[in-house]
Amino acid sequence: MPMWQDIRPAKIKAELPIVWSYRYDVVQDEFIGGLAGDAIQRLLGGPIKNTRFRQVHNADPHFFNRAKQVLFGPAIFLGRGLLFRQRDRQCYGERIILPFSSGDGRADGSSGN
């Protein structure tokens, strides 16, 4: 399983505006925001760093469960169509959710989406 440190930003420069990540806090049973590209920040209304996943995505209660399924899988998620709707903002496209490891080969929520 890849580690977050395996990602090389220079190799995915064109995609960085739409990359975002969360880490999982097992004690809080919550994903906590990390990196968010410019396009994601515009869509969500600002940075997500240290923001609770369910606070940002409260309009889609199934999204949290999907993210946990990927983390505790084995699983990945691919979604197409309407990805996000909040207030008067919405986004159509494709979303891929991947688990990452901190080094022992198991998904541990240390990174992201």
PDB file of N, CA and C in Angstrom:
ATOM      1  N   MET A   1       0.847  -1.171   0.000  1.00  0.00           N
ATOM      2  CA  MET A   1       0.000   0.000   0.000  1.00  0.00           C
ATOM      3  C   MET A   1       0.895   1.238   0.000  1.00  0.00           C
ATOM      4  N   PRO A   2       0.570   2.219  -0.831  1.00  0.00           N
ATOM      5  CA  PRO A   2       1.425   3.415  -0.894  1.00  0.00           C
ATOM      6  C   PRO A   2       1.365   4.239   0.385  1.00  0.00           C
ATOM      7  N   MET A   3       2.429   4.947   0.624  1.00  0.00           N
ATOM      8  CA  MET A   3       2.487   5.874   1.753  1.00  0.00           C
ATOM      9  C   MET A   3       2.320   7.283   1.205  1.00  0.00           C
ATOM     10  N   TRP A   4       1.826   8.189   2.031  1.00  0.00           N
ATOM     11  CA  TRP A   4       1.652   9.577   1.616  1.00  0.00           C
ATOM     12  C   TRP A   4       2.987  10.141   1.128  1.00  0.00           C
ATOM     13  N   GLN A   5       4.084   9.721   1.728  1.00  0.00           N
ATOM     14  CA  GLN A   5       5.406  10.197   1.344  1.00  0.00           C
ATOM     15  C   GLN A   5       5.799   9.735  -0.051  1.00  0.00           C
ATOM     16  N   ASP A   6       5.095   8.732  -0.612  1.00  0.00           N
ATOM     17  CA  ASP A   6       5.370   8.254  -1.966  1.00  0.00           C
ATOM     18  C   ASP A   6       4.863   9.219  -3.039  1.00  0.00           C
ATOM     19  N   ILE A   7       3.972  10.115  -2.669  1.00  0.00           N
ATOM     20  CA  ILE A   7       3.420  11.073  -3.629  1.00  0.00           C
ATOM     21  C   ILE A   7       4.486  12.112  -3.948  1.00  0.00           C
ATOM     22  N   ARG A   8       4.714  12.320  -5.221  1.00  0.00           N
ATOM     23  CA  ARG A   8       5.691  13.308  -5.686  1.00  0.00           C
ATOM     24  C   ARG A   8       4.927  14.448  -6.350  1.00  0.00           C
ATOM     25  N   PRO A   9       4.726  15.588  -5.652  1.00  0.00           N
ATOM     26  CA  PRO A   9       3.940  16.698  -6.193  1.00  0.00           C
ATOM     27  C   PRO A   9       4.384  17.152  -7.589  1.00  0.00           C
ATOM     28  N   ALA A  10       5.669  17.150  -7.864  1.00  0.00           N
ATOM     29  CA  ALA A  10       6.144  17.595  -9.176  1.00  0.00           C
ATOM     30  C   ALA A  10       5.611  16.700 -10.302  1.00  0.00           C
ATOM     31  N   LYS A  11       5.358  15.437  -9.999  1.00  0.00           N
ATOM     32  CA  LYS A  11       4.868  14.500 -11.014  1.00  0.00           C
ATOM     33  C   LYS A  11       3.372  14.654 -11.274  1.00  0.00           C
ATOM     34  N   ILE A  12       2.647  15.288 -10.352  1.00  0.00           N
ATOM     35  CA  ILE A  12       1.201  15.472 -10.521  1.00  0.00           C
ATOM     36  C   ILE A  12       0.829  16.957 -10.449  1.00  0.00           C
ATOM     37  N   LYS A  13       1.739  17.795 -10.881  1.00  0.00           N
ATOM     38  CA  LYS A  13       1.566  19.244 -10.776  1.00  0.00           C
ATOM     39  C   LYS A  13       0.224  19.727 -11.341  1.00  0.00           C
ATOM     40  N   ALA A  14      -0.165  19.212 -12.492  1.00  0.00           N
ATOM     41  CA  ALA A  14      -1.416  19.651 -13.117  1.00  0.00           C
ATOM     42  C   ALA A  14      -2.649  19.265 -12.300  1.00  0.00           C
ATOM     43  N   GLU A  15      -2.547  18.191 -11.508  1.00  0.00           N
ATOM     44  CA  GLU A  15      -3.679  17.715 -10.726  1.00  0.00           C
ATOM     45  C   GLU A  15      -3.735  18.315  -9.319  1.00  0.00           C
ATOM     46  N   LEU A  16      -2.681  18.956  -8.866  1.00  0.00           N
ATOM     47  CA  LEU A  16      -2.638  19.459  -7.485  1.00  0.00           C
ATOM     48  C   LEU A  16      -3.811  20.369  -7.104  1.00  0.00           C
ATOM     49  N   PRO A  17      -4.350  21.184  -7.998  1.00  0.00           N
ATOM     50  CA  PRO A  17      -5.492  22.013  -7.600  1.00  0.00           C
ATOM     51  C   PRO A  17      -6.723  21.216  -7.155  1.00  0.00           C
ATOM     52  N   ILE A  18      -6.825  19.936  -7.566  1.00  0.00           N
ATOM     53  CA  ILE A  18      -7.996  19.146  -7.202  1.00  0.00           C
ATOM     54  C   ILE A  18      -7.669  18.002  -6.237  1.00  0.00           C
ATOM     55  N   VAL A  19      -6.492  18.023  -5.642  1.00  0.00           N
ATOM     56  CA  VAL A  19      -6.088  17.009  -4.670  1.00  0.00           C
ATOM     57  C   VAL A  19      -6.412  17.515  -3.271  1.00  0.00           C
ATOM     58  N   TRP A  20      -6.920  16.606  -2.446  1.00  0.00           N
ATOM     59  CA  TRP A  20      -7.165  16.946  -1.043  1.00  0.00           C
ATOM     60  C   TRP A  20      -6.925  15.723  -0.190  1.00  0.00           C
ATOM     61  N   SER A  21      -6.698  15.924   1.089  1.00  0.00           N
ATOM     62  CA  SER A  21      -6.410  14.798   1.973  1.00  0.00           C
ATOM     63  C   SER A  21      -7.010  15.026   3.353  1.00  0.00           C
ATOM     64  N   TYR A  22      -7.221  13.909   4.019  1.00  0.00           N
ATOM     65  CA  TYR A  22      -7.670  13.883   5.413  1.00  0.00           C
ATOM     66  C   TYR A  22      -6.865  12.830   6.134  1.00  0.00           C
ATOM     67  N   ARG A  23      -6.722  12.990   7.431  1.00  0.00           N
ATOM     68  CA  ARG A  23      -6.173  11.933   8.275  1.00  0.00           C
ATOM     69  C   ARG A  23      -7.293  11.498   9.205  1.00  0.00           C
ATOM     70  N   TYR A  24      -7.256  10.254   9.634  1.00  0.00           N
ATOM     71  CA  TYR A  24      -8.304   9.725  10.485  1.00  0.00           C
ATOM     72  C   TYR A  24      -7.861   9.745  11.942  1.00  0.00           C
ATOM     73  N   ASP A  25      -8.687  10.315  12.801  1.00  0.00           N
ATOM     74  CA  ASP A  25      -8.448  10.323  14.245  1.00  0.00           C
ATOM     75  C   ASP A  25      -9.357   9.266  14.858  1.00  0.00           C
ATOM     76  N   VAL A  26      -8.757   8.141  15.273  1.00  0.00           N
ATOM     77  CA  VAL A  26      -9.528   7.011  15.780  1.00  0.00           C
ATOM     78  C   VAL A  26     -10.268   7.365  17.076  1.00  0.00           C
ATOM     79  N   VAL A  27      -9.681   8.188  17.937  1.00  0.00           N
ATOM     80  CA  VAL A  27     -10.314   8.559  19.203  1.00  0.00           C
ATOM     81  C   VAL A  27     -11.587   9.366  18.954  1.00  0.00           C
ATOM     82  N   GLN A  28     -11.530  10.307  18.030  1.00  0.00           N
ATOM     83  CA  GLN A  28     -12.694  11.140  17.714  1.00  0.00           C
ATOM     84  C   GLN A  28     -13.616  10.501  16.680  1.00  0.00           C
ATOM     85  N   ASP A  29     -13.192   9.384  16.074  1.00  0.00           N
ATOM     86  CA  ASP A  29     -13.914   8.775  14.955  1.00  0.00           C
ATOM     87  C   ASP A  29     -14.240   9.853  13.924  1.00  0.00           C
ATOM     88  N   GLU A  30     -13.195  10.533  13.490  1.00  0.00           N
ATOM     89  CA  GLU A  30     -13.376  11.661  12.581  1.00  0.00           C
ATOM     90  C   GLU A  30     -12.170  11.800  11.671  1.00  0.00           C
ATOM     91  N   PHE A  31     -12.436  12.202  10.440  1.00  0.00           N
ATOM     92  CA  PHE A  31     -11.377  12.577   9.510  1.00  0.00           C
ATOM     93  C   PHE A  31     -11.108  14.064   9.712  1.00  0.00           C
ATOM     94  N   ILE A  32      -9.823  14.417   9.777  1.00  0.00           N
ATOM     95  CA  ILE A  32      -9.404  15.802  10.002  1.00  0.00           C
ATOM     96  C   ILE A  32      -8.708  16.290   8.730  1.00  0.00           C
ATOM     97  N   GLY A  33      -9.124  17.458   8.255  1.00  0.00           N
ATOM     98  CA  GLY A  33      -8.627  18.003   7.003  1.00  0.00           C
ATOM     99  C   GLY A  33      -7.141  18.279   7.000  1.00  0.00           C
ATOM    100  N   GLY A  34      -6.559  18.087   5.838  1.00  0.00           N
ATOM    101  CA  GLY A  34      -5.142  18.369   5.613  1.00  0.00           C
ATOM    102  C   GLY A  34      -4.976  19.240   4.396  1.00  0.00           C
ATOM    103  N   LEU A  35      -4.272  18.725   3.423  1.00  0.00           N
ATOM    104  CA  LEU A  35      -3.998  19.428   2.174  1.00  0.00           C
ATOM    105  C   LEU A  35      -5.278  19.616   1.367  1.00  0.00           C
ATOM    106  N   ALA A  36      -5.414  20.774   0.717  1.00  0.00           N
ATOM    107  CA  ALA A  36      -6.490  20.992  -0.257  1.00  0.00           C
ATOM    108  C   ALA A  36      -5.967  21.937  -1.328  1.00  0.00           C
ATOM    109  N   GLY A  37      -6.085  21.505  -2.569  1.00  0.00           N
ATOM    110  CA  GLY A  37      -5.653  22.333  -3.694  1.00  0.00           C
ATOM    111  C   GLY A  37      -6.547  23.546  -3.870  1.00  0.00           C
ATOM    112  N   ASP A  38      -6.099  24.475  -4.702  1.00  0.00           N
ATOM    113  CA  ASP A  38      -6.821  25.734  -4.921  1.00  0.00           C
ATOM    114  C   ASP A  38      -8.265  25.523  -5.376  1.00  0.00           C
ATOM    115  N   ALA A  39      -8.485  24.619  -6.326  1.00  0.00           N
ATOM    116  CA  ALA A  39      -9.840  24.392  -6.833  1.00  0.00           C
ATOM    117  C   ALA A  39     -10.745  23.824  -5.745  1.00  0.00           C
ATOM    118  N   ILE A  40     -10.222  22.945  -4.926  1.00  0.00           N
ATOM    119  CA  ILE A  40     -10.997  22.371  -3.813  1.00  0.00           C
ATOM    120  C   ILE A  40     -11.329  23.454  -2.804  1.00  0.00           C
ATOM    121  N   GLN A  41     -10.367  24.291  -2.479  1.00  0.00           N
ATOM    122  CA  GLN A  41     -10.619  25.363  -1.515  1.00  0.00           C
ATOM    123  C   GLN A  41     -11.692  26.320  -2.015  1.00  0.00           C
ATOM    124  N   ARG A  42     -11.679  26.638  -3.313  1.00  0.00           N
ATOM    125  CA  ARG A  42     -12.729  27.511  -3.863  1.00  0.00           C
ATOM    126  C   ARG A  42     -14.098  26.845  -3.750  1.00  0.00           C
ATOM    127  N   LEU A  43     -14.159  25.569  -4.057  1.00  0.00           N
ATOM    128  CA  LEU A  43     -15.417  24.840  -4.001  1.00  0.00           C
ATOM    129  C   LEU A  43     -15.952  24.749  -2.571  1.00  0.00           C
ATOM    130  N   LEU A  44     -15.076  24.476  -1.633  1.00  0.00           N
ATOM    131  CA  LEU A  44     -15.498  24.292  -0.243  1.00  0.00           C
ATOM    132  C   LEU A  44     -15.578  25.595   0.541  1.00  0.00           C
ATOM    133  N   GLY A  45     -15.136  26.681  -0.049  1.00  0.00           N
ATOM    134  CA  GLY A  45     -15.225  27.967   0.624  1.00  0.00           C
ATOM    135  C   GLY A  45     -14.044  28.307   1.501  1.00  0.00           C
ATOM    136  N   GLY A  46     -12.912  27.636   1.323  1.00  0.00           N
ATOM    137  CA  GLY A  46     -11.701  27.955   2.071  1.00  0.00           C
ATOM    138  C   GLY A  46     -10.891  26.718   2.396  1.00  0.00           C
ATOM    139  N   PRO A  47      -9.817  26.893   3.145  1.00  0.00           N
ATOM    140  CA  PRO A  47      -8.952  25.768   3.513  1.00  0.00           C
ATOM    141  C   PRO A  47      -9.696  24.757   4.389  1.00  0.00           C
ATOM    142  N   ILE A  48      -9.241  23.503   4.339  1.00  0.00           N
ATOM    143  CA  ILE A  48      -9.835  22.469   5.182  1.00  0.00           C
ATOM    144  C   ILE A  48      -8.886  22.000   6.285  1.00  0.00           C
ATOM    145  N   LYS A  49      -7.695  22.559   6.330  1.00  0.00           N
ATOM    146  CA  LYS A  49      -6.697  22.121   7.314  1.00  0.00           C
ATOM    147  C   LYS A  49      -7.289  22.151   8.717  1.00  0.00           C
ATOM    148  N   ASN A  50      -7.215  21.026   9.415  1.00  0.00           N
ATOM    149  CA  ASN A  50      -7.694  20.832  10.783  1.00  0.00           C
ATOM    150  C   ASN A  50      -9.209  20.967  10.930  1.00  0.00           C
ATOM    151  N   THR A  51      -9.942  20.888   9.824  1.00  0.00           N
ATOM    152  CA  THR A  51     -11.401  20.958   9.866  1.00  0.00           C
ATOM    153  C   THR A  51     -11.975  19.546   9.866  1.00  0.00           C
ATOM    154  N   ARG A  52     -13.025  19.342  10.633  1.00  0.00           N
ATOM    155  CA  ARG A  52     -13.674  18.031  10.698  1.00  0.00           C
ATOM    156  C   ARG A  52     -14.382  17.721   9.381  1.00  0.00           C
ATOM    157  N   PHE A  53     -14.195  16.507   8.913  1.00  0.00           N
ATOM    158  CA  PHE A  53     -14.778  16.022   7.666  1.00  0.00           C
ATOM    159  C   PHE A  53     -16.293  16.244   7.643  1.00  0.00           C
ATOM    160  N   ARG A  54     -16.983  15.829   8.710  1.00  0.00           N
ATOM    161  CA  ARG A  54     -18.442  15.929   8.719  1.00  0.00           C
ATOM    162  C   ARG A  54     -18.917  17.373   8.779  1.00  0.00           C
ATOM    163  N   GLN A  55     -18.072  18.273   9.248  1.00  0.00           N
ATOM    164  CA  GLN A  55     -18.412  19.700   9.227  1.00  0.00           C
ATOM    165  C   GLN A  55     -18.386  20.220   7.790  1.00  0.00           C
ATOM    166  N   VAL A  56     -17.404  19.798   7.022  1.00  0.00           N
ATOM    167  CA  VAL A  56     -17.261  20.244   5.639  1.00  0.00           C
ATOM    168  C   VAL A  56     -18.292  19.569   4.735  1.00  0.00           C
ATOM    169  N   HIS A  57     -18.570  18.306   4.987  1.00  0.00           N
ATOM    170  CA  HIS A  57     -19.411  17.506   4.088  1.00  0.00           C
ATOM    171  C   HIS A  57     -20.742  17.117   4.717  1.00  0.00           C
ATOM    172  N   ASN A  58     -21.315  17.970   5.521  1.00  0.00           N
ATOM    173  CA  ASN A  58     -22.546  17.615   6.217  1.00  0.00           C
ATOM    174  C   ASN A  58     -23.724  17.395   5.283  1.00  0.00           C
ATOM    175  N   ALA A  59     -23.670  17.884   4.061  1.00  0.00           N
ATOM    176  CA  ALA A  59     -24.771  17.688   3.115  1.00  0.00           C
ATOM    177  C   ALA A  59     -24.784  16.274   2.538  1.00  0.00           C
ATOM    178  N   ASP A  60     -23.719  15.505   2.721  1.00  0.00           N
ATOM    179  CA  ASP A  60     -23.642  14.147   2.175  1.00  0.00           C
ATOM    180  C   ASP A  60     -23.240  13.169   3.273  1.00  0.00           C
ATOM    181  N   PRO A  61     -24.215  12.663   4.051  1.00  0.00           N
ATOM    182  CA  PRO A  61     -23.879  11.771   5.170  1.00  0.00           C
ATOM    183  C   PRO A  61     -23.251  10.456   4.735  1.00  0.00           C
ATOM    184  N   HIS A  62     -23.479  10.026   3.491  1.00  0.00           N
ATOM    185  CA  HIS A  62     -22.915   8.763   3.017  1.00  0.00           C
ATOM    186  C   HIS A  62     -21.422   8.874   2.717  1.00  0.00           C
ATOM    187  N   PHE A  63     -20.950  10.070   2.470  1.00  0.00           N
ATOM    188  CA  PHE A  63     -19.546  10.285   2.121  1.00  0.00           C
ATOM    189  C   PHE A  63     -18.623   9.846   3.260  1.00  0.00           C
ATOM    190  N   PHE A  64     -18.975  10.154   4.495  1.00  0.00           N
ATOM    191  CA  PHE A  64     -18.170   9.752   5.651  1.00  0.00           C
ATOM    192  C   PHE A  64     -18.058   8.228   5.707  1.00  0.00           C
ATOM    193  N   ASN A  65     -19.185   7.538   5.536  1.00  0.00           N
ATOM    194  CA  ASN A  65     -19.173   6.072   5.588  1.00  0.00           C
ATOM    195  C   ASN A  65     -18.346   5.476   4.459  1.00  0.00           C
ATOM    196  N   ARG A  66     -18.422   6.070   3.274  1.00  0.00           N
ATOM    197  CA  ARG A  66     -17.600   5.589   2.147  1.00  0.00           C
ATOM    198  C   ARG A  66     -16.119   5.739   2.461  1.00  0.00           C
ATOM    199  N   ALA A  67     -15.755   6.882   3.011  1.00  0.00           N
ATOM    200  CA  ALA A  67     -14.346   7.127   3.343  1.00  0.00           C
ATOM    201  C   ALA A  67     -13.857   6.117   4.386  1.00  0.00           C
ATOM    202  N   LYS A  68     -14.689   5.800   5.364  1.00  0.00           N
ATOM    203  CA  LYS A  68     -14.296   4.800   6.369  1.00  0.00           C
ATOM    204  C   LYS A  68     -14.188   3.413   5.754  1.00  0.00           C
ATOM    205  N   GLN A  69     -15.056   3.077   4.813  1.00  0.00           N
ATOM    206  CA  GLN A  69     -14.961   1.784   4.139  1.00  0.00           C
ATOM    207  C   GLN A  69     -13.628   1.652   3.409  1.00  0.00           C
ATOM    208  N   VAL A  70     -13.194   2.739   2.773  1.00  0.00           N
ATOM    209  CA  VAL A  70     -11.900   2.713   2.080  1.00  0.00           C
ATOM    210  C   VAL A  70     -10.775   2.543   3.091  1.00  0.00           C
ATOM    211  N   LEU A  71     -10.831   3.274   4.180  1.00  0.00           N
ATOM    212  CA  LEU A  71      -9.773   3.205   5.183  1.00  0.00           C
ATOM    213  C   LEU A  71      -9.666   1.816   5.803  1.00  0.00           C
ATOM    214  N   PHE A  72     -10.792   1.221   6.141  1.00  0.00           N
ATOM    215  CA  PHE A  72     -10.770  -0.056   6.854  1.00  0.00           C
ATOM    216  C   PHE A  72     -11.014  -1.249   5.944  1.00  0.00           C
ATOM    217  N   GLY A  73     -11.081  -1.017   4.605  1.00  0.00           N
ATOM    218  CA  GLY A  73     -11.366  -1.985   3.552  1.00  0.00           C
ATOM    219  C   GLY A  73     -10.762  -3.352   3.740  1.00  0.00           C
ATOM    220  N   PRO A  74     -10.263  -3.943   2.743  1.00  0.00           N
ATOM    221  CA  PRO A  74      -9.629  -3.339   1.576  1.00  0.00           C
ATOM    222  C   PRO A  74     -10.665  -2.794   0.586  1.00  0.00           C
ATOM    223  N   ALA A  75     -10.458  -1.580   0.167  1.00  0.00           N
ATOM    224  CA  ALA A  75     -11.367  -0.942  -0.785  1.00  0.00           C
ATOM    225  C   ALA A  75     -10.738   0.329  -1.337  1.00  0.00           C
ATOM    226  N   ILE A  76     -11.251   0.747  -2.484  1.00  0.00           N
ATOM    227  CA  ILE A  76     -11.043   2.088  -3.007  1.00  0.00           C
ATOM    228  C   ILE A  76     -12.424   2.558  -3.428  1.00  0.00           C
ATOM    229  N   PHE A  77     -12.561   3.835  -3.707  1.00  0.00           N
ATOM    230  CA  PHE A  77     -13.854   4.360  -4.144  1.00  0.00           C
ATOM    231  C   PHE A  77     -13.663   5.174  -5.403  1.00  0.00           C
ATOM    232  N   LEU A  78     -14.556   4.977  -6.368  1.00  0.00           N
ATOM    233  CA  LEU A  78     -14.604   5.778  -7.584  1.00  0.00           C
ATOM    234  C   LEU A  78     -16.047   6.222  -7.759  1.00  0.00           C
ATOM    235  N   GLY A  79     -16.252   7.528  -7.802  1.00  0.00           N
ATOM    236  CA  GLY A  79     -17.591   8.074  -8.007  1.00  0.00           C
ATOM    237  C   GLY A  79     -17.591   9.025  -9.179  1.00  0.00           C
ATOM    238  N   ARG A  80     -18.690   9.024  -9.936  1.00  0.00           N
ATOM    239  CA  ARG A  80     -18.839   9.931 -11.082  1.00  0.00           C
ATOM    240  C   ARG A  80     -20.209  10.570 -11.021  1.00  0.00           C
ATOM    241  N   GLY A  81     -20.292  11.811 -11.497  1.00  0.00           N
ATOM    242  CA  GLY A  81     -21.566  12.523 -11.523  1.00  0.00           C
ATOM    243  C   GLY A  81     -21.523  13.707 -10.580  1.00  0.00           C
ATOM    244  N   LEU A  82     -22.639  13.971  -9.909  1.00  0.00           N
ATOM    245  CA  LEU A  82     -22.687  15.046  -8.928  1.00  0.00           C
ATOM    246  C   LEU A  82     -21.899  14.608  -7.702  1.00  0.00           C
ATOM    247  N   LEU A  83     -20.785  15.255  -7.445  1.00  0.00           N
ATOM    248  CA  LEU A  83     -19.903  14.874  -6.351  1.00  0.00           C
ATOM    249  C   LEU A  83     -20.165  15.668  -5.091  1.00  0.00           C
ATOM    250  N   PHE A  84     -20.666  16.873  -5.241  1.00  0.00           N
ATOM    251  CA  PHE A  84     -20.729  17.770  -4.099  1.00  0.00           C
ATOM    252  C   PHE A  84     -21.805  18.816  -4.339  1.00  0.00           C
ATOM    253  N   ARG A  85     -22.645  19.053  -3.329  1.00  0.00           N
ATOM    254  CA  ARG A  85     -23.618  20.140  -3.389  1.00  0.00           C
ATOM    255  C   ARG A  85     -23.726  20.720  -1.975  1.00  0.00           C
ATOM    256  N   GLN A  86     -23.456  21.988  -1.859  1.00  0.00           N
ATOM    257  CA  GLN A  86     -23.540  22.666  -0.571  1.00  0.00           C
ATOM    258  C   GLN A  86     -23.863  24.128  -0.841  1.00  0.00           C
ATOM    259  N   ARG A  87     -24.900  24.612  -0.199  1.00  0.00           N
ATOM    260  CA  ARG A  87     -25.421  25.952  -0.483  1.00  0.00           C
ATOM    261  C   ARG A  87     -25.677  26.060  -1.975  1.00  0.00           C
ATOM    262  N   ASP A  88     -25.162  27.078  -2.640  1.00  0.00           N
ATOM    263  CA  ASP A  88     -25.367  27.205  -4.078  1.00  0.00           C
ATOM    264  C   ASP A  88     -24.153  26.739  -4.873  1.00  0.00           C
ATOM    265  N   ARG A  89     -23.281  25.953  -4.253  1.00  0.00           N
ATOM    266  CA  ARG A  89     -22.119  25.410  -4.954  1.00  0.00           C
ATOM    267  C   ARG A  89     -22.340  23.933  -5.224  1.00  0.00           C
ATOM    268  N   GLN A  90     -21.984  23.505  -6.412  1.00  0.00           N
ATOM    269  CA  GLN A  90     -22.033  22.089  -6.721  1.00  0.00           C
ATOM    270  C   GLN A  90     -20.912  21.741  -7.693  1.00  0.00           C
ATOM    271  N   CYS A  91     -20.560  20.483  -7.691  1.00  0.00           N
ATOM    272  CA  CYS A  91     -19.438  20.027  -8.509  1.00  0.00           C
ATOM    273  C   CYS A  91     -19.793  18.696  -9.153  1.00  0.00           C
ATOM    274  N   TYR A  92     -19.611  18.622 -10.456  1.00  0.00           N
ATOM    275  CA  TYR A  92     -19.774  17.385 -11.201  1.00  0.00           C
ATOM    276  C   TYR A  92     -18.392  16.924 -11.643  1.00  0.00           C
ATOM    277  N   GLY A  93     -18.176  15.640 -11.631  1.00  0.00           N
ATOM    278  CA  GLY A  93     -16.883  15.132 -12.067  1.00  0.00           C
ATOM    279  C   GLY A  93     -16.653  13.719 -11.593  1.00  0.00           C
ATOM    280  N   GLU A  94     -15.435  13.467 -11.184  1.00  0.00           N
ATOM    281  CA  GLU A  94     -15.020  12.138 -10.763  1.00  0.00           C
ATOM    282  C   GLU A  94     -14.233  12.256  -9.469  1.00  0.00           C
ATOM    283  N   ARG A  95     -14.482  11.352  -8.544  1.00  0.00           N
ATOM    284  CA  ARG A  95     -13.767  11.342  -7.268  1.00  0.00           C
ATOM    285  C   ARG A  95     -13.178   9.954  -7.050  1.00  0.00           C
ATOM    286  N   ILE A  96     -11.925   9.933  -6.644  1.00  0.00           N
ATOM    287  CA  ILE A  96     -11.261   8.689  -6.285  1.00  0.00           C
ATOM    288  C   ILE A  96     -10.797   8.835  -4.841  1.00  0.00           C
ATOM    289  N   ILE A  97     -11.142   7.866  -4.016  1.00  0.00           N
ATOM    290  CA  ILE A  97     -10.682   7.854  -2.625  1.00  0.00           C
ATOM    291  C   ILE A  97      -9.747   6.660  -2.475  1.00  0.00           C
ATOM    292  N   LEU A  98      -8.528   6.947  -2.006  1.00  0.00           N
ATOM    293  CA  LEU A  98      -7.512   5.911  -1.833  1.00  0.00           C
ATOM    294  C   LEU A  98      -7.003   5.907  -0.396  1.00  0.00           C
ATOM    295  N   PRO A  99      -6.726   4.729   0.143  1.00  0.00           N
ATOM    296  CA  PRO A  99      -6.098   4.668   1.464  1.00  0.00           C
ATOM    297  C   PRO A  99      -4.585   4.787   1.326  1.00  0.00           C
ATOM    298  N   PHE A 100      -3.950   5.272   2.372  1.00  0.00           N
ATOM    299  CA  PHE A 100      -2.495   5.331   2.432  1.00  0.00           C
ATOM    300  C   PHE A 100      -2.028   4.735   3.750  1.00  0.00           C
ATOM    301  N   SER A 101      -0.779   4.346   3.788  1.00  0.00           N
ATOM    302  CA  SER A 101      -0.164   3.740   4.965  1.00  0.00           C
ATOM    303  C   SER A 101       0.917   4.654   5.509  1.00  0.00           C
ATOM    304  N   SER A 102       1.181   4.535   6.800  1.00  0.00           N
ATOM    305  CA  SER A 102       2.309   5.282   7.364  1.00  0.00           C
ATOM    306  C   SER A 102       3.584   4.459   7.335  1.00  0.00           C
ATOM    307  N   GLY A 103       3.515   3.222   6.829  1.00  0.00           N
ATOM    308  CA  GLY A 103       4.753   2.481   6.661  1.00  0.00           C
ATOM    309  C   GLY A 103       4.676   1.003   6.916  1.00  0.00           C
ATOM    310  N   ASP A 104       3.633   0.520   7.587  1.00  0.00           N
ATOM    311  CA  ASP A 104       3.562  -0.910   7.897  1.00  0.00           C
ATOM    312  C   ASP A 104       2.733  -1.702   6.890  1.00  0.00           C
ATOM    313  N   GLY A 105       2.270  -1.041   5.819  1.00  0.00           N
ATOM    314  CA  GLY A 105       1.514  -1.729   4.794  1.00  0.00           C
ATOM    315  C   GLY A 105       0.017  -1.764   5.029  1.00  0.00           C
ATOM    316  N   ARG A 106      -0.444  -1.266   6.160  1.00  0.00           N
ATOM    317  CA  ARG A 106      -1.888  -1.229   6.449  1.00  0.00           C
ATOM    318  C   ARG A 106      -2.380   0.203   6.370  1.00  0.00           C
ATOM    319  N   ALA A 107      -3.620   0.373   5.932  1.00  0.00           N
ATOM    320  CA  ALA A 107      -4.220   1.699   5.924  1.00  0.00           C
ATOM    321  C   ALA A 107      -4.389   2.169   7.366  1.00  0.00           C
ATOM    322  N   ASP A 108      -3.997   3.401   7.621  1.00  0.00           N
ATOM    323  CA  ASP A 108      -4.076   3.879   8.989  1.00  0.00           C
ATOM    324  C   ASP A 108      -4.672   5.285   9.092  1.00  0.00           C
ATOM    325  N   GLY A 109      -5.107   5.834   7.955  1.00  0.00           N
ATOM    326  CA  GLY A 109      -5.741   7.152   7.988  1.00  0.00           C
ATOM    327  C   GLY A 109      -4.776   8.299   8.092  1.00  0.00           C
ATOM    328  N   SER A 110      -3.499   8.039   7.817  1.00  0.00           N
ATOM    329  CA  SER A 110      -2.512   9.101   7.969  1.00  0.00           C
ATOM    330  C   SER A 110      -2.551  10.117   6.845  1.00  0.00           C
ATOM    331  N   SER A 111      -3.362   9.881   5.841  1.00  0.00           N
ATOM    332  CA  SER A 111      -3.416  10.820   4.741  1.00  0.00           C
ATOM    333  C   SER A 111      -4.714  10.701   3.979  1.00  0.00           C
ATOM    334  N   GLY A 112      -4.633  10.809   2.631  1.00  0.00           N
ATOM    335  CA  GLY A 112      -5.815  11.107   2.009  1.00  0.00           C
ATOM    336  C   GLY A 112      -6.394  10.710   0.714  1.00  0.00           C
ATOM    337  N   ASN A 113      -7.177  11.677   0.281  1.00  0.00           N
ATOM    338  CA  ASN A 113      -8.166  11.577  -0.736  1.00  0.00           C
ATOM    339  C   ASN A 113      -7.787  12.428  -1.903  1.00  0.00           C
TER     340      ASN A 113
END
